[in-house]
Each structure stands twice: as structure tokens, then as C-alpha cells.
């Protein structure tokens, strides 16, 4: 190494040892690094801090449902109020036809089916043609009526001054009997009057049409065109399904607690329908040893049908106590096992709230943990819980 290079190295060593970094400068440098790191950390987590309140808790979990979602899910929101705690009897039941709103269409004489005018499931109106039949007996009766009608008209025109009183009465009675015979065979007064008015003997061909006796729906039509039918054979069964019966089977020991017109609820599928007691039977079923109690429920949308099995709850009175109560289906278990309900904080905004179920009644839960006046989901809570779970939030709230 030449003399010049050695000289440069020596000068560098002398500068390093004569200008050391002081402790104060090292401390200041460390603080600058720390402040830089803190600033970076704040920038990195600043967005997260915006979601915390003064206690450091995250915002409450909520789910928003639009009008279409709420309608399709059948969500019902009610205001929580203190109500009298009812006492109820629960029993199994079965949907039945309302026999007082049903009728059967049968021939009264032996006949053959000529033409069908209605089919199973058809809505029909009173007086609407259902089926045309043909009968030898009807042909004879139609002919007798035409003859008797003409004779009675002739005698009336002559008057009592010309014909004897006996002849006058005989003609009148013959006419009335011929008309009554057709009515007994199933024709209406309007049909017999029309036959008399036409006076056409070719109309006495034995054909006649059975008409609907009521407004309703055809629920049975087990026959074929061309089939021979006997008196009493069922051709059509009609019913008005806007109201139905429920036959509930009650333990006889509870019957003394029931009253006619008592309020009742019927669980059909997952929906409760309000009804009332209309009849209480007076004889036990020989097989089940239970007593039948008949309820009436509305069916305006024709969604309920005879033969469905249901659960019936009949109100027998009140306990004299008031409490905050909700339908059982409105109170759900959260993932951690606590009871919760869904509160409507704003229109369409639902939030889970933890409650305590202090007592369960048939179809009702007595709760504490909410204030009267709170808007609570009473139907469709499971759907709200599912939507909240899909949104990625925990479906519980402490």
C-alpha cells in the first residue's frame, strides 16, 4: 500500500474517535423511531377504531330486510305489552268439512248419466247445472204433467158454471200431483214451470238436469258418463271451504272448563289460526275414550284442507296475572344457548336481544329482559336469524 492510502486511513480513524454519538442523541433517535412506528400502527388500525364506542365495544349486529323479504317470509312485528296470562288446554285435532256449509247431489230415481257439466275442483254457484240424466220414470212423469196441465187449463177456462165441482177438483188435484211428482224426482219449480209453459210434448223425453244447491267447490264427482245410477248414489259433493271445522279430542276431565264460543288457536303447519268453540259432544269416543270438541276456523285463502292433523289450544280463562308474553316461535336459542328475540330498532332493521324465559305456557313464553313498548318479531323470527347468520355476524347479543 502506498503512502497516500495509509494517510487517508489514518485521518478517518482520528475523525471517528474524536466525534462519537452522544447518549442524548441516541435517545432522541430512538424516540423518533418509536413515534414513526406508532404513527404507522395508528394508520393501520385507524379504520377499526372507528367502529368502537367509548367503551371499546363494536356496533350492535343488525340485519336489514326490505318489504318484499318481510312479506315473503311472513314476518310479523308486534308491540310488546303486559297481557293477562291465559290458561289453555292443548289437544290434538283434525281438520274437517263444515257440514253446515256442504251438500251432496244424488238422483232420486233410477237414471243414466248423459252429460257432465262440472268437474272436481270447479267452483260452482247455486243453480248452476252439474249433470244431465235420462230416466224412463222421468219421461212418464213429464208426460203426465203436460197432460194434467192442459186439462186443468181447459177446466179453468170453462169455469165452475159449466163443469161440475167434482170435475173441477179432479183436474186441479191431478195437475198438482203431476207437478209434485216431478219435484219429488229432483226437478225444481222453475224447471217444471218451464216445461208447462212450453207445452211441447217432445220435451217429455226423460232428460233432466241436476243443479247446484249452493255456492262452493266440487270436492267429489265419482261417476262416469253413461253410468247407470240408483236413487241415493252420490254424484257430487260440494262445500264452501271459506270456513272449516276442527275436531279436537279432549280428556273428559277438562271438559268442565270449556265453554261454547271460547277462544281457541289452531296450529296448521307453522302458522296459528284463531278460531272458537262451537260445539261440545256429549258422548265419548269408544276407542280413544276422549270427548270431541268442535271448533270453527276461517279459511279465506283455501290453504287448509280436510284431513290435516293439527294442534289445538283452547282458552279456559286467565290466571289473574299479567306478564310480557310472546309466541313460542318468537323466542329462539342463540348459538351459545341463550334465549333471544329480534327487536325492530328501525323499520326493516332487526337486532337480536337476549331475554330470559321465566315460564312456558301452551304456545306462549313469559319473558323478562325487555321493556313494554318494544317492537318484537312474533312471526318469522327464524328467517331473521338465518339472514343475520348469512351476513357474517354472530346471532347472539349480550
Protein backbone atom coordinates (compact mmCIF):
# COMPACT_ATOMS: atom_id res chain seq x y z
CA UNK A 1 0.00 0.00 0.00
CA UNK A 2 1.42 3.40 -0.93
CA UNK A 3 1.99 6.28 1.45
CA UNK A 4 -1.10 8.19 0.18
CA UNK A 5 -3.55 5.39 1.07
CA UNK A 6 -2.07 4.98 4.53
CA UNK A 7 -2.53 8.64 5.16
CA UNK A 8 -6.25 8.55 4.27
CA UNK A 9 -6.94 5.59 6.61
CA UNK A 10 -5.19 7.32 9.48
CA UNK A 11 -7.24 10.52 9.05
CA UNK A 12 -10.53 8.52 9.07
CA UNK A 13 -9.67 6.77 12.36
CA UNK A 14 -8.77 10.07 14.02
CA UNK A 15 -12.20 11.61 12.95
CA UNK A 16 -14.23 8.64 14.28
CA UNK A 17 -12.71 8.62 17.73
CA UNK A 18 -12.77 12.40 18.14
CA UNK A 19 -16.59 12.74 17.14
CA UNK A 20 -18.66 9.97 18.99
CA UNK A 21 -22.55 9.98 19.03
CA UNK A 22 -23.71 11.21 22.46
CA UNK A 23 -26.24 9.30 24.62
CA UNK A 24 -28.79 12.13 24.30
CA UNK A 25 -28.62 11.94 20.55
CA UNK A 26 -29.12 8.14 20.69
CA UNK A 27 -32.23 8.62 22.92
CA UNK A 28 -33.70 11.23 20.56
CA UNK A 29 -33.12 8.91 17.65
CA UNK A 30 -34.89 6.06 19.43
CA UNK A 31 -37.90 8.30 20.19
CA UNK A 32 -38.16 9.30 16.55
CA UNK A 33 -38.23 5.65 15.52
CA UNK A 34 -40.87 4.88 18.15
CA UNK A 35 -43.09 7.78 17.07
CA UNK A 36 -42.79 6.67 13.46
CA UNK A 37 -43.85 3.15 14.41
CA UNK A 38 -46.76 4.45 16.43
CA UNK A 39 -47.94 6.56 13.55
CA UNK A 40 -47.79 3.60 11.20
CA UNK A 41 -49.75 1.48 13.69
CA UNK A 42 -52.42 4.14 14.03
CA UNK A 43 -52.79 4.43 10.29
CA UNK A 44 -53.04 0.68 10.01
CA UNK A 45 -55.77 0.30 12.67
CA UNK A 46 -57.48 3.66 12.50
CA UNK A 47 -60.40 2.22 10.50
CA UNK A 48 -61.04 -0.44 13.11
CA UNK A 49 -61.12 2.16 15.93
CA UNK A 50 -63.92 4.00 14.14
CA UNK A 51 -66.24 1.02 14.84
CA UNK A 52 -65.78 1.19 18.61
CA UNK A 53 -67.75 3.26 21.05
CA UNK A 54 -66.44 4.98 24.15
CA UNK A 55 -66.34 1.60 25.94
CA UNK A 56 -64.45 -0.10 23.13
CA UNK A 57 -67.43 -2.30 22.06
CA UNK A 58 -68.28 -2.97 18.44
CA UNK A 59 -71.58 -1.75 16.96
CA UNK A 60 -74.63 -3.96 17.53
CA UNK A 61 -75.31 -6.73 14.98
CA UNK A 62 -78.27 -5.91 12.79
CA UNK A 63 -79.90 -7.26 9.66
CA UNK A 64 -81.88 -5.21 7.17
CA UNK A 65 -84.86 -6.74 5.34
CA UNK A 66 -86.77 -4.95 2.62
CA UNK A 67 -90.56 -5.02 2.25
CA UNK A 68 -90.51 -7.88 -0.25
CA UNK A 69 -88.38 -10.07 2.04
CA UNK A 70 -90.58 -9.36 5.05
CA UNK A 71 -93.75 -10.12 3.10
CA UNK A 72 -92.48 -13.35 1.52
CA UNK A 73 -91.16 -14.60 4.88
CA UNK A 74 -94.41 -13.73 6.65
CA UNK A 75 -92.66 -11.58 9.22
CA UNK A 76 -94.99 -10.02 11.78
CA UNK A 77 -93.85 -7.40 14.29
CA UNK A 78 -95.91 -6.62 17.38
CA UNK A 79 -95.53 -4.18 20.25
CA UNK A 80 -94.61 -5.93 23.49
CA UNK A 81 -97.21 -5.23 26.17
CA UNK A 82 -98.10 -6.75 29.50
CA UNK A 83 -101.04 -9.10 28.99
CA UNK A 84 -103.16 -11.30 31.15
CA UNK A 85 -101.65 -14.76 31.25
CA UNK A 86 -104.25 -17.15 29.78
CA UNK A 87 -104.83 -20.71 30.80
CA UNK A 88 -105.26 -23.13 27.91
CA UNK A 89 -105.91 -26.77 27.18
CA UNK A 90 -103.84 -28.36 24.43
CA UNK A 91 -105.13 -31.29 22.39
CA UNK A 92 -104.66 -32.96 19.01
CA UNK A 93 -107.20 -32.28 16.30
CA UNK A 94 -108.14 -32.87 12.68
CA UNK A 95 -109.49 -30.53 10.01
CA UNK A 96 -113.00 -31.49 8.90
CA UNK A 97 -115.51 -30.21 6.37
CA UNK A 98 -118.02 -27.73 7.66
CA UNK A 99 -121.05 -29.98 7.31
CA UNK A 100 -123.38 -27.00 7.64
CA UNK A 101 -121.78 -25.49 4.54
CA UNK A 102 -121.69 -28.71 2.47
CA UNK A 103 -124.17 -30.68 0.39
CA UNK A 104 -124.47 -33.82 -1.70
CA UNK A 105 -126.07 -34.18 -5.11
CA UNK A 106 -127.81 -37.53 -5.70
CA UNK A 107 -130.51 -38.78 -8.09
CA UNK A 108 -133.90 -39.63 -6.60
CA UNK A 109 -134.82 -42.12 -9.31
CA UNK A 110 -133.00 -44.70 -11.38
CA UNK A 111 -131.33 -42.94 -14.31
CA UNK A 112 -128.41 -42.89 -16.72
CA UNK A 113 -125.72 -40.20 -16.81
CA UNK A 114 -125.92 -38.32 -20.11
CA UNK A 115 -123.70 -35.24 -19.72
CA UNK A 116 -121.33 -33.96 -17.05
CA UNK A 117 -121.29 -30.16 -16.59
CA UNK A 118 -118.82 -29.80 -13.69
CA UNK A 119 -115.59 -31.44 -12.61
CA UNK A 120 -113.61 -32.00 -9.43
CA UNK A 121 -112.23 -28.71 -8.09
CA UNK A 122 -114.58 -26.49 -10.09
CA UNK A 123 -116.13 -23.55 -8.28
CA UNK A 124 -119.90 -23.60 -8.71
CA UNK A 125 -122.75 -21.20 -7.98
CA UNK A 126 -126.21 -22.00 -6.70
CA UNK A 127 -128.46 -23.06 -9.59
CA UNK A 128 -125.57 -23.98 -11.90
CA UNK A 129 -126.08 -27.19 -13.98
CA UNK A 130 -124.00 -30.11 -12.70
CA UNK A 131 -125.15 -33.21 -14.61
CA UNK A 132 -127.86 -34.22 -17.09
CA UNK A 133 -129.56 -37.59 -16.57
CA UNK A 134 -132.12 -39.62 -18.51
CA UNK A 135 -134.84 -41.78 -16.98
CA UNK A 136 -137.89 -43.69 -18.12
CA UNK A 137 -139.69 -42.77 -14.93
CA UNK A 138 -138.95 -39.10 -15.55
CA UNK A 139 -140.31 -39.33 -19.10
CA UNK A 140 -143.57 -40.78 -17.81
CA UNK A 141 -143.83 -38.10 -15.13
CA UNK A 142 -143.12 -35.30 -17.62
CA UNK A 143 -145.83 -36.59 -19.94
CA UNK A 144 -148.32 -36.83 -17.09
CA UNK A 145 -147.61 -33.22 -16.14
CA UNK A 146 -148.16 -31.93 -19.68
CA UNK A 147 -151.48 -33.78 -19.95
CA UNK A 148 -152.63 -32.69 -16.50
CA UNK A 149 -151.62 -29.09 -17.17
CA UNK A 150 -153.62 -28.92 -20.40
CA UNK A 151 -156.67 -30.47 -18.78
CA UNK A 152 -156.51 -28.15 -15.80
CA UNK A 153 -156.23 -25.15 -18.11
CA UNK A 154 -159.28 -26.30 -20.13
CA UNK A 155 -161.38 -26.82 -16.99
CA UNK A 156 -160.38 -23.42 -15.62
CA UNK A 157 -161.37 -21.76 -18.89
CA UNK A 158 -164.80 -23.42 -18.79
CA UNK A 159 -165.33 -22.45 -15.21
CA UNK A 160 -167.38 -23.94 -12.39
CA UNK A 161 -170.63 -22.91 -14.03
CA UNK A 162 -170.06 -25.29 -16.94
CA UNK A 163 -168.24 -28.23 -15.29
CA UNK A 164 -169.20 -29.94 -12.09
CA UNK A 165 -167.38 -29.13 -8.91
CA UNK A 166 -166.08 -32.72 -8.74
CA UNK A 167 -164.59 -32.48 -12.23
CA UNK A 168 -163.06 -29.13 -11.36
CA UNK A 169 -161.36 -30.55 -8.22
CA UNK A 170 -160.18 -33.71 -10.01
CA UNK A 171 -158.45 -31.68 -12.73
CA UNK A 172 -156.82 -29.40 -10.19
CA UNK A 173 -155.58 -32.26 -7.98
CA UNK A 174 -154.27 -34.22 -10.99
CA UNK A 175 -152.25 -31.20 -12.07
CA UNK A 176 -150.84 -30.59 -8.61
CA UNK A 177 -149.91 -34.26 -8.16
CA UNK A 178 -148.18 -34.42 -11.55
CA UNK A 179 -146.17 -31.32 -10.66
CA UNK A 180 -145.33 -32.64 -7.18
CA UNK A 181 -144.12 -35.91 -8.69
CA UNK A 182 -141.51 -34.11 -10.80
CA UNK A 183 -140.40 -32.07 -7.81
CA UNK A 184 -140.01 -35.31 -5.86
CA UNK A 185 -137.89 -36.70 -8.69
CA UNK A 186 -135.46 -33.81 -8.29
CA UNK A 187 -136.66 -31.04 -10.60
CA UNK A 188 -137.03 -27.51 -9.35
CA UNK A 189 -140.23 -25.46 -9.50
CA UNK A 190 -138.61 -23.31 -12.18
CA UNK A 191 -137.92 -26.39 -14.31
CA UNK A 192 -141.46 -27.71 -14.00
CA UNK A 193 -142.91 -24.27 -14.76
CA UNK A 194 -140.74 -24.06 -17.86
CA UNK A 195 -141.99 -27.47 -19.04
CA UNK A 196 -145.60 -26.38 -18.54
CA UNK A 197 -145.01 -23.07 -20.29
CA UNK A 198 -143.57 -24.67 -23.41
CA UNK A 199 -146.35 -27.29 -23.55
CA UNK A 200 -144.21 -29.18 -26.05
CA UNK A 201 -144.80 -32.91 -25.74
CA UNK A 202 -141.35 -33.58 -27.23
CA UNK A 203 -139.89 -32.17 -24.02
CA UNK A 204 -141.19 -35.25 -22.20
CA UNK A 205 -138.09 -37.22 -23.20
CA UNK A 206 -136.96 -38.22 -19.73
CA UNK A 207 -133.95 -35.91 -19.66
CA UNK A 208 -133.44 -33.72 -16.63
CA UNK A 209 -130.59 -31.69 -15.16
CA UNK A 210 -129.50 -31.62 -11.52
CA UNK A 211 -128.49 -28.14 -10.33
CA UNK A 212 -126.06 -26.99 -7.66
CA UNK A 213 -127.88 -26.35 -4.38
CA UNK A 214 -125.21 -23.92 -3.11
CA UNK A 215 -122.16 -21.82 -3.86
CA UNK A 216 -118.96 -23.76 -3.28
CA UNK A 217 -116.40 -26.12 -4.75
CA UNK A 218 -116.77 -29.62 -6.19
CA UNK A 219 -114.78 -31.92 -3.90
CA UNK A 220 -116.12 -35.24 -5.19
CA UNK A 221 -117.52 -36.48 -8.52
CA UNK A 222 -117.03 -40.25 -8.68
CA UNK A 223 -119.11 -41.27 -11.71
CA UNK A 224 -118.76 -41.87 -15.45
CA UNK A 225 -120.77 -40.65 -18.41
CA UNK A 226 -123.18 -43.43 -19.47
CA UNK A 227 -123.20 -44.94 -15.99
CA UNK A 228 -126.49 -46.22 -14.56
CA UNK A 229 -127.17 -44.73 -11.15
CA UNK A 230 -129.66 -45.66 -8.47
CA UNK A 231 -131.54 -43.40 -6.10
CA UNK A 232 -129.15 -42.06 -3.45
CA UNK A 233 -125.93 -42.70 -5.39
CA UNK A 234 -123.51 -39.85 -4.71
CA UNK A 235 -122.71 -37.93 -7.88
CA UNK A 236 -121.31 -34.69 -6.47
CA UNK A 237 -120.19 -33.40 -3.10
CA UNK A 238 -119.98 -29.63 -2.71
CA UNK A 239 -118.66 -27.48 0.10
CA UNK A 240 -117.93 -23.89 0.95
CA UNK A 241 -114.33 -24.03 2.26
CA UNK A 242 -114.25 -20.43 3.48
CA UNK A 243 -114.82 -21.87 6.95
CA UNK A 244 -113.85 -25.30 8.26
CA UNK A 245 -114.30 -27.39 11.37
CA UNK A 246 -111.62 -28.77 13.66
CA UNK A 247 -112.42 -31.86 15.72
CA UNK A 248 -110.29 -31.71 18.88
CA UNK A 249 -110.00 -34.73 21.18
CA UNK A 250 -110.15 -33.62 24.81
CA UNK A 251 -109.57 -35.55 28.01
CA UNK A 252 -113.02 -35.71 29.68
CA UNK A 253 -111.64 -34.32 32.95
CA UNK A 254 -111.06 -30.94 31.27
CA UNK A 255 -114.45 -30.62 29.56
CA UNK A 256 -116.00 -28.81 32.53
CA UNK A 257 -113.53 -25.96 31.90
CA UNK A 258 -114.72 -25.43 28.32
CA UNK A 259 -117.46 -23.12 27.11
CA UNK A 260 -119.19 -22.52 23.80
CA UNK A 261 -117.64 -19.54 21.96
CA UNK A 262 -114.38 -19.94 23.92
CA UNK A 263 -111.40 -18.53 22.02
CA UNK A 264 -109.06 -21.08 20.52
CA UNK A 265 -105.93 -21.29 18.39
CA UNK A 266 -105.10 -23.96 15.83
CA UNK A 267 -101.55 -24.70 14.68
CA UNK A 268 -101.64 -25.65 10.99
CA UNK A 269 -98.13 -26.27 9.70
CA UNK A 270 -96.14 -23.40 11.20
CA UNK A 271 -98.99 -20.87 11.37
CA UNK A 272 -101.51 -20.21 14.14
CA UNK A 273 -105.14 -19.55 13.18
CA UNK A 274 -107.69 -18.06 15.56
CA UNK A 275 -110.99 -19.85 15.98
CA UNK A 276 -113.71 -20.56 18.53
CA UNK A 277 -115.53 -23.48 20.11
CA UNK A 278 -118.93 -24.04 18.51
CA UNK A 279 -119.99 -27.45 19.83
CA UNK A 280 -119.09 -29.92 22.58
CA UNK A 281 -120.08 -33.55 22.05
CA UNK A 282 -121.90 -35.43 24.80
CA UNK A 283 -120.59 -38.95 24.17
CA UNK A 284 -117.05 -40.31 24.50
CA UNK A 285 -115.28 -41.95 21.60
CA UNK A 286 -115.43 -45.69 22.24
CA UNK A 287 -111.85 -46.25 21.10
CA UNK A 288 -109.91 -43.28 22.47
CA UNK A 289 -112.22 -42.53 25.43
CA UNK A 290 -111.93 -38.83 24.61
CA UNK A 291 -114.59 -36.23 24.02
CA UNK A 292 -114.83 -34.38 20.71
CA UNK A 293 -114.90 -30.60 20.79
CA UNK A 294 -115.75 -28.86 17.53
CA UNK A 295 -114.09 -25.59 16.57
CA UNK A 296 -114.69 -23.30 13.60
CA UNK A 297 -111.81 -21.56 11.85
CA UNK A 298 -111.68 -19.26 8.80
CA UNK A 299 -110.07 -20.42 5.56
CA UNK A 300 -110.34 -17.40 3.23
CA UNK A 301 -107.34 -18.30 1.05
CA UNK A 302 -108.24 -22.00 0.77
CA UNK A 303 -104.85 -23.08 2.18
CA UNK A 304 -106.30 -25.53 4.71
CA UNK A 305 -107.94 -28.79 3.69
CA UNK A 306 -109.92 -31.53 5.44
CA UNK A 307 -107.83 -34.40 6.77
CA UNK A 308 -104.90 -32.32 8.05
CA UNK A 309 -103.76 -33.06 11.59
CA UNK A 310 -103.32 -30.02 13.80
CA UNK A 311 -102.61 -28.91 17.35
CA UNK A 312 -105.44 -27.15 19.18
CA UNK A 313 -105.21 -24.80 22.17
CA UNK A 314 -108.48 -23.76 23.77
CA UNK A 315 -108.56 -20.91 26.25
CA UNK A 316 -110.23 -21.79 29.54
CA UNK A 317 -109.73 -18.48 31.35
CA UNK A 318 -106.98 -16.28 32.75
CA UNK A 319 -104.63 -16.78 35.68
CA UNK A 320 -105.22 -13.26 37.03
CA UNK A 321 -101.57 -12.36 36.42
CA UNK A 322 -100.08 -10.04 33.80
CA UNK A 323 -96.72 -10.54 32.16
CA UNK A 324 -94.76 -9.90 28.98
CA UNK A 325 -95.60 -12.84 26.74
CA UNK A 326 -94.58 -13.82 23.24
CA UNK A 327 -95.46 -16.76 20.98
CA UNK A 328 -93.02 -19.62 21.48
CA UNK A 329 -91.88 -19.36 17.87
CA UNK A 330 -90.72 -15.78 18.52
CA UNK A 331 -88.15 -16.90 21.13
CA UNK A 332 -85.12 -18.72 19.70
CA UNK A 333 -81.93 -20.25 21.01
CA UNK A 334 -78.73 -18.40 20.12
CA UNK A 335 -75.54 -20.38 19.29
CA UNK A 336 -74.35 -20.03 22.88
CA UNK A 337 -77.62 -21.48 24.19
CA UNK A 338 -79.26 -18.29 25.46
CA UNK A 339 -82.82 -17.28 24.63
CA UNK A 340 -83.15 -14.35 22.27
CA UNK A 341 -85.75 -12.40 20.32
CA UNK A 342 -85.43 -10.00 17.41
CA UNK A 343 -86.23 -6.35 18.05
CA UNK A 344 -87.14 -3.91 15.28
CA UNK A 345 -84.91 -0.92 16.09
CA UNK A 346 -85.94 0.90 12.91
CA UNK A 347 -88.35 -0.06 10.12
CA UNK A 348 -86.79 -3.13 8.50
CA UNK A 349 -83.80 -3.13 10.90
CA UNK A 350 -83.74 -6.13 13.26
CA UNK A 351 -81.35 -6.77 16.12
CA UNK A 352 -81.09 -9.82 18.41
CA UNK A 353 -81.70 -9.20 22.09
CA UNK A 354 -81.12 -11.69 24.86
CA UNK A 355 -84.09 -12.41 27.14
CA UNK A 356 -84.88 -14.75 29.99
CA UNK A 357 -87.78 -17.18 29.68
CA UNK A 358 -89.22 -17.46 33.16
CA UNK A 359 -92.18 -19.65 32.24
CA UNK A 360 -93.65 -21.51 29.31
CA UNK A 361 -97.36 -21.84 28.66
CA UNK A 362 -99.09 -23.66 25.80
CA UNK A 363 -97.92 -21.66 22.80
CA UNK A 364 -96.56 -18.77 24.88
CA UNK A 365 -93.33 -17.80 26.61
CA UNK A 366 -93.31 -15.45 29.60
CA UNK A 367 -90.16 -13.34 29.30
CA UNK A 368 -88.15 -10.69 31.11
CA UNK A 369 -85.33 -8.53 29.81
CA UNK A 370 -87.25 -6.16 27.53
CA UNK A 371 -89.35 -3.10 28.22
CA UNK A 372 -93.04 -2.77 27.33
CA UNK A 373 -93.44 -0.96 24.03
CA UNK A 374 -90.54 -2.78 22.35
CA UNK A 375 -91.26 -3.84 18.78
CA UNK A 376 -90.59 -7.60 18.57
CA UNK A 377 -90.78 -10.11 15.70
CA UNK A 378 -93.59 -12.52 16.62
CA UNK A 379 -93.69 -14.49 13.36
CA UNK A 380 -90.76 -15.24 11.06
CA UNK A 381 -88.01 -14.93 13.71
CA UNK A 382 -86.19 -17.98 12.36
CA UNK A 383 -85.91 -16.33 8.94
CA UNK A 384 -84.46 -13.18 10.51
CA UNK A 385 -81.96 -15.28 12.46
CA UNK A 386 -80.92 -17.10 9.28
CA UNK A 387 -80.42 -13.84 7.39
CA UNK A 388 -78.31 -12.45 10.23
CA UNK A 389 -76.19 -15.59 10.25
CA UNK A 390 -75.64 -15.32 6.48
CA UNK A 391 -74.47 -11.73 6.89
CA UNK A 392 -71.48 -12.98 8.88
CA UNK A 393 -72.47 -11.65 12.34
CA UNK A 394 -72.88 -13.70 15.49
CA UNK A 395 -76.58 -14.27 16.08
CA UNK A 396 -76.35 -13.57 19.81
CA UNK A 397 -76.07 -10.42 21.83
CA UNK A 398 -75.21 -9.96 25.48
